[in-house]
Amino acid sequence: MLPPFPETGKIEVPSELARELCAAAERLPLYENREFYSPALQMHVLDQICGDCRDGFDWLINLIRDRMAEQPYCALVYGLQFDEGNRLFVALNRAFGELVARPYEKPRAQLVHYIEPATDIPSSRGGRESERLHTDTADWETPVEFISMVCVRADPDGGGRSRVLDIDSVRDEVKNQLGAEILELLEREPVPWQLAAYRGGGLKWRPVLTEHSICWRRYTIDLALDSNLARLSRRMLASLDAFEEVVSTSARTIEFLMREGELLFSDNRRTIHARTPITEGASDRLMIRSWIRAC
């Protein structure tokens, strides 16, 4: 059994503050999801909600920031009340940077992104890509710094449990299981990443690991190699296979079921994440997610 989310990373929002934050959000007009692509609107929503509840809002943001600064570099917030227009969600995210996304295209691409089982990318190796530990926006020139997610509806059968593995644990596991030489190779030798077509396409070469960060999505590396524009040595290919086995079987991965209204913030540079399988066609699980580019 994998370890649960650590108590030191949890934040409970007092009920009075939760009501005040939700009320502040509901005093704002309703906006279309497409409108939130405007950085100016994001900042306006932040300013209005923060201005109405400054002490409580700042208290919560500072706690989230503190939790993400410590292993396992994520924070689980519960007790919040979210408005239907996602204004509070946008404000909380905007406190950490600009919300960014792929170009608007429902249902797959929205700034406040709705994640449902039907929209998950199938994996050529079976299951869904979301079931494999990964970095978000690995197919961008520079992946985003933070990601956040709110559970709207949990899977009724308990599927879709969140999994998170942090950089410190990854480095320890690689060093202990594969050796210091392979750890140094993964830090030193860059690998190719296929950039998204909507970001201009092409390849970006970067290492999987640094001393304090990780970027991992085997699917994106494989796309770059399949393009015949990049090649890797047999040694590096074998190291990537071994690395994938280590991270996918690590007993230090934390696993937890997010419940309705719970909010997860993660450092996308120092964690990789996934979810457990969901029964196809039998789940109405719904999450909303944002990508945040630090200012």
Protein backbone atom coordinates (compact mmCIF):
# COMPACT_ATOMS: atom_id res chain seq x y z
CA MET A 1 0.00 0.00 0.00
CA LEU A 2 1.33 3.43 -0.97
CA PRO A 3 1.62 6.17 1.69
CA PRO A 4 -1.28 8.67 1.98
CA PHE A 5 -1.04 12.42 1.54
CA PRO A 6 1.01 13.71 4.51
CA GLU A 7 -0.83 15.63 7.21
CA THR A 8 1.87 18.31 7.10
CA GLY A 9 0.77 19.21 3.56
CA LYS A 10 -2.92 19.65 4.36
CA ILE A 11 -4.68 22.97 4.96
CA GLU A 12 -8.11 23.31 6.52
CA VAL A 13 -9.96 26.52 5.67
CA PRO A 14 -12.19 27.82 8.48
CA SER A 15 -15.87 27.77 7.52
CA GLU A 16 -16.30 31.51 8.06
CA LEU A 17 -13.42 32.34 5.71
CA ALA A 18 -14.75 29.85 3.15
CA ARG A 19 -18.12 31.63 3.15
CA GLU A 20 -16.48 35.05 2.85
CA LEU A 21 -14.31 34.01 -0.10
CA CYS A 22 -17.22 32.43 -1.95
CA ALA A 23 -19.42 35.48 -1.32
CA ALA A 24 -16.68 37.78 -2.65
CA ALA A 25 -16.45 35.67 -5.80
CA GLU A 26 -20.21 35.72 -6.32
CA ARG A 27 -20.26 39.52 -6.17
CA LEU A 28 -18.36 39.54 -9.45
CA PRO A 29 -20.11 39.09 -12.83
CA LEU A 30 -20.17 35.64 -14.39
CA TYR A 31 -17.53 35.24 -17.08
CA GLU A 32 -17.23 32.82 -19.97
CA ASN A 33 -14.33 30.39 -19.70
CA ARG A 34 -12.83 31.88 -22.85
CA GLU A 35 -12.73 35.33 -21.18
CA PHE A 36 -10.36 34.08 -18.49
CA TYR A 37 -7.59 33.83 -21.12
CA SER A 38 -7.18 37.58 -20.52
CA PRO A 39 -4.38 38.18 -17.96
CA ALA A 40 -6.03 41.53 -17.14
CA LEU A 41 -9.31 39.83 -16.26
CA GLN A 42 -7.48 37.25 -14.15
CA MET A 43 -5.83 40.05 -12.23
CA HIS A 44 -9.10 41.94 -11.85
CA VAL A 45 -10.77 38.86 -10.33
CA LEU A 46 -7.81 38.40 -7.98
CA ASP A 47 -7.83 42.05 -6.91
CA GLN A 48 -11.56 42.09 -6.22
CA ILE A 49 -11.69 38.88 -4.16
CA CYS A 50 -8.44 39.58 -2.34
CA GLY A 51 -9.58 43.15 -1.65
CA ASP A 52 -12.80 41.91 -0.03
CA CYS A 53 -11.04 39.34 2.18
CA ARG A 54 -7.42 40.42 2.25
CA ASP A 55 -6.28 38.99 5.57
CA GLY A 56 -7.94 35.62 5.05
CA PHE A 57 -6.94 35.40 1.39
CA ASP A 58 -3.30 36.26 2.13
CA TRP A 59 -3.27 33.75 5.02
CA LEU A 60 -4.42 30.97 2.71
CA ILE A 61 -2.04 31.84 -0.15
CA ASN A 62 0.94 32.03 2.19
CA LEU A 63 0.10 28.63 3.69
CA ILE A 64 -0.19 27.06 0.24
CA ARG A 65 3.13 28.62 -0.74
CA ASP A 66 4.78 27.30 2.43
CA ARG A 67 3.45 23.77 1.87
CA MET A 68 4.64 23.70 -1.75
CA ALA A 69 8.11 24.77 -0.63
CA GLU A 70 8.51 21.57 1.40
CA GLN A 71 8.56 17.90 0.42
CA PRO A 72 6.39 16.55 -1.22
CA TYR A 73 6.00 20.02 -2.82
CA CYS A 74 2.21 20.10 -2.95
CA ALA A 75 -0.65 21.29 -0.77
CA LEU A 76 -4.12 19.79 -0.26
CA VAL A 77 -6.72 22.37 0.76
CA TYR A 78 -10.14 21.41 2.07
CA GLY A 79 -13.10 23.34 3.45
CA LEU A 80 -13.38 25.87 0.60
CA GLN A 81 -16.70 26.70 -1.07
CA PHE A 82 -16.37 27.29 -4.82
CA ASP A 83 -18.69 29.41 -6.92
CA GLU A 84 -20.16 27.98 -10.12
CA GLY A 85 -18.37 30.53 -12.28
CA ASN A 86 -14.87 29.45 -11.13
CA ARG A 87 -14.00 33.00 -10.09
CA LEU A 88 -12.53 31.98 -6.72
CA PHE A 89 -10.55 29.21 -8.42
CA VAL A 90 -9.11 31.73 -10.89
CA ALA A 91 -8.24 34.19 -8.11
CA LEU A 92 -6.41 31.59 -6.02
CA ASN A 93 -4.42 30.47 -9.06
CA ARG A 94 -3.63 34.03 -10.18
CA ALA A 95 -2.00 34.69 -6.81
CA PHE A 96 0.79 32.34 -7.98
CA GLY A 97 1.12 33.58 -11.56
CA GLU A 98 -0.68 33.85 -14.88
CA LEU A 99 -3.12 31.12 -15.85
CA VAL A 100 -2.15 29.69 -19.24
CA ALA A 101 -3.54 26.98 -21.52
CA ARG A 102 -3.51 25.57 -25.01
CA PRO A 103 -5.73 27.50 -27.48
CA TYR A 104 -9.43 27.39 -26.60
CA GLU A 105 -11.19 24.34 -27.99
CA LYS A 106 -13.97 22.70 -26.00
CA PRO A 107 -14.04 20.24 -24.36
CA ARG A 108 -10.35 19.36 -24.41
CA ALA A 109 -8.80 22.82 -24.17
CA GLN A 110 -10.04 25.55 -21.86
CA LEU A 111 -8.23 27.86 -19.48
CA VAL A 112 -10.23 26.41 -16.59
CA HIS A 113 -9.92 22.88 -17.91
CA TYR A 114 -12.59 20.26 -17.26
CA ILE A 115 -11.10 16.79 -16.91
CA GLU A 116 -13.40 13.85 -17.53
CA PRO A 117 -12.59 10.19 -18.29
CA ALA A 118 -13.77 10.57 -21.89
CA THR A 119 -11.20 13.30 -22.65
CA ASP A 120 -8.13 11.44 -21.33
CA ILE A 121 -5.53 10.55 -23.98
CA PRO A 122 -5.32 6.78 -24.68
CA SER A 123 -1.85 5.29 -24.23
CA SER A 124 -0.28 3.12 -26.93
CA ARG A 125 0.96 0.94 -24.06
CA GLY A 126 -2.51 0.40 -22.62
CA GLY A 127 -4.76 2.44 -20.36
CA ARG A 128 -4.57 6.23 -20.37
CA GLU A 129 -1.60 8.58 -20.36
CA SER A 130 -3.00 10.21 -17.21
CA GLU A 131 -2.39 6.90 -15.40
CA ARG A 132 1.39 7.27 -15.93
CA LEU A 133 3.41 9.60 -13.72
CA HIS A 134 4.23 12.71 -15.72
CA THR A 135 5.00 16.42 -15.85
CA ASP A 136 2.29 18.68 -17.27
CA THR A 137 3.16 20.75 -20.39
CA ALA A 138 6.31 18.71 -21.01
CA ASP A 139 5.63 19.50 -24.69
CA TRP A 140 6.17 23.24 -24.12
CA GLU A 141 9.49 25.04 -24.51
CA THR A 142 9.43 25.54 -20.73
CA PRO A 143 6.89 23.57 -18.68
CA VAL A 144 4.65 25.57 -16.35
CA GLU A 145 5.76 26.03 -12.77
CA PHE A 146 2.51 25.15 -10.96
CA ILE A 147 -0.66 23.16 -11.48
CA SER A 148 -3.85 23.15 -9.46
CA MET A 149 -6.88 20.91 -9.44
CA VAL A 150 -10.29 20.88 -7.74
CA CYS A 151 -12.44 17.79 -7.39
CA VAL A 152 -16.00 18.53 -8.53
CA ARG A 153 -17.20 14.90 -8.51
CA ALA A 154 -15.19 11.95 -7.27
CA ASP A 155 -15.46 8.57 -8.96
CA PRO A 156 -18.28 6.71 -7.16
CA ASP A 157 -16.24 3.47 -7.16
CA GLY A 158 -13.13 5.08 -5.71
CA GLY A 159 -11.17 5.11 -8.97
CA GLY A 160 -9.05 7.99 -10.16
CA ARG A 161 -7.00 8.22 -6.98
CA SER A 162 -4.32 10.90 -7.27
CA ARG A 163 -0.66 9.90 -7.20
CA VAL A 164 2.30 12.22 -6.62
CA LEU A 165 6.03 11.49 -6.51
CA ASP A 166 8.51 14.25 -5.60
CA ILE A 167 11.98 15.02 -6.94
CA ASP A 168 13.81 14.18 -3.71
CA SER A 169 12.26 10.71 -3.65
CA VAL A 170 12.97 10.21 -7.36
CA ARG A 171 16.65 11.06 -6.98
CA ASP A 172 17.00 8.76 -3.97
CA GLU A 173 15.27 5.89 -5.77
CA VAL A 174 17.39 6.28 -8.92
CA LYS A 175 20.63 6.48 -6.96
CA ASN A 176 19.75 3.48 -4.79
CA GLN A 177 18.35 1.26 -7.54
CA LEU A 178 20.24 2.31 -10.67
CA GLY A 179 23.38 3.84 -9.21
CA ALA A 180 25.02 7.26 -9.07
CA GLU A 181 26.34 6.90 -12.64
CA ILE A 182 22.83 6.63 -14.14
CA LEU A 183 21.63 9.50 -11.96
CA GLU A 184 24.45 11.65 -13.30
CA LEU A 185 23.69 10.57 -16.88
CA LEU A 186 20.03 11.62 -16.56
CA GLU A 187 21.20 15.01 -15.26
CA ARG A 188 23.94 15.53 -17.85
CA GLU A 189 22.59 14.20 -21.15
CA PRO A 190 19.56 15.96 -22.65
CA VAL A 191 16.78 14.05 -24.38
CA PRO A 192 14.39 15.28 -27.10
CA TRP A 193 10.86 16.46 -26.35
CA GLN A 194 8.29 16.86 -29.11
CA LEU A 195 6.81 20.33 -28.76
CA ALA A 196 3.07 20.78 -29.24
CA ALA A 197 1.97 21.93 -32.69
CA TYR A 198 0.04 24.82 -31.13
CA ARG A 199 3.36 25.95 -29.53
CA GLY A 200 5.16 25.93 -32.88
CA GLY A 201 6.19 22.28 -33.03
CA GLY A 202 9.77 21.13 -33.35
CA LEU A 203 11.99 19.62 -30.68
CA LYS A 204 13.37 20.82 -27.38
CA TRP A 205 16.38 19.11 -25.83
CA ARG A 206 16.52 19.07 -22.03
CA PRO A 207 17.57 16.56 -19.36
CA VAL A 208 15.07 14.54 -17.36
CA LEU A 209 16.60 15.56 -14.03
CA THR A 210 18.46 18.42 -12.41
CA GLU A 211 19.52 18.64 -8.80
CA HIS A 212 16.19 20.23 -7.85
CA SER A 213 13.75 19.47 -10.69
CA ILE A 214 12.26 16.77 -12.86
CA CYS A 215 10.64 16.76 -16.29
CA TRP A 216 9.13 13.46 -17.29
CA ARG A 217 6.61 12.29 -19.85
CA ARG A 218 7.84 9.28 -21.81
CA TYR A 219 5.04 9.77 -24.33
CA THR A 220 6.48 13.15 -25.38
CA ILE A 221 10.03 11.78 -25.69
CA ASP A 222 8.78 8.84 -27.78
CA LEU A 223 6.96 11.23 -30.14
CA ALA A 224 10.24 13.08 -30.70
CA LEU A 225 12.09 9.83 -31.40
CA ASP A 226 9.34 8.58 -33.73
CA SER A 227 9.69 11.76 -35.80
CA ASN A 228 13.16 10.57 -36.93
CA LEU A 229 14.50 14.03 -36.13
CA ALA A 230 16.31 12.82 -33.02
CA ARG A 231 18.22 9.77 -31.87
CA LEU A 232 19.51 8.58 -28.53
CA SER A 233 22.27 6.18 -27.64
CA ARG A 234 21.36 2.64 -26.64
CA ARG A 235 22.67 3.45 -23.18
CA MET A 236 20.34 6.42 -22.79
CA LEU A 237 17.35 4.48 -24.13
CA ALA A 238 18.05 1.71 -21.63
CA SER A 239 18.43 4.29 -18.87
CA LEU A 240 15.06 5.84 -19.74
CA ASP A 241 13.44 2.40 -19.60
CA ALA A 242 15.02 1.73 -16.22
CA PHE A 243 14.07 5.19 -14.96
CA GLU A 244 10.45 4.67 -15.99
CA GLU A 245 10.36 1.36 -14.15
CA VAL A 246 11.79 2.94 -11.00
CA VAL A 247 9.35 5.84 -10.85
CA SER A 248 6.30 3.80 -11.82
CA THR A 249 6.94 1.25 -9.05
CA SER A 250 8.26 3.55 -6.33
CA ALA A 251 6.88 2.78 -2.88
CA ARG A 252 7.41 6.47 -2.02
CA THR A 253 4.63 7.64 -4.33
CA ILE A 254 1.82 9.12 -2.26
CA GLU A 255 -1.73 8.10 -3.21
CA PHE A 256 -4.99 9.67 -2.09
CA LEU A 257 -8.60 10.09 -3.19
CA MET A 258 -9.63 13.71 -3.66
CA ARG A 259 -13.13 14.46 -2.42
CA GLU A 260 -15.62 17.05 -3.65
CA GLY A 261 -14.38 20.59 -3.04
CA GLU A 262 -10.78 19.65 -2.25
CA LEU A 263 -8.08 21.71 -3.96
CA LEU A 264 -4.61 20.43 -4.81
CA PHE A 265 -1.69 22.72 -5.66
CA SER A 266 1.55 21.12 -6.94
CA ASP A 267 4.97 22.37 -7.99
CA ASN A 268 5.15 21.03 -11.56
CA ARG A 269 8.97 21.23 -11.53
CA ARG A 270 9.45 19.15 -8.39
CA THR A 271 6.66 16.59 -8.67
CA ILE A 272 5.25 14.17 -11.21
CA HIS A 273 1.65 13.03 -10.93
CA ALA A 274 -0.89 10.53 -12.21
CA ARG A 275 -4.22 8.96 -11.33
CA THR A 276 -5.29 5.36 -10.88
CA PRO A 277 -7.54 3.74 -13.53
CA ILE A 278 -11.24 4.53 -13.82
CA THR A 279 -13.83 2.05 -15.09
CA GLU A 280 -14.53 3.02 -18.70
CA GLY A 281 -18.01 4.42 -19.32
CA ALA A 282 -19.12 3.99 -15.71
CA SER A 283 -17.78 7.13 -14.06
CA ASP A 284 -18.92 10.76 -13.99
CA ARG A 285 -15.70 11.86 -12.26
CA LEU A 286 -15.02 15.55 -12.92
CA MET A 287 -12.00 17.64 -12.00
CA ILE A 288 -11.10 21.18 -12.97
CA ARG A 289 -7.47 22.11 -13.52
CA SER A 290 -5.30 25.09 -14.28
CA TRP A 291 -1.74 25.58 -15.45
CA ILE A 292 0.11 28.50 -13.85
CA ARG A 293 3.11 30.34 -15.26
CA ALA A 294 4.94 32.01 -12.38
CA CYS A 295 5.34 35.76 -12.81
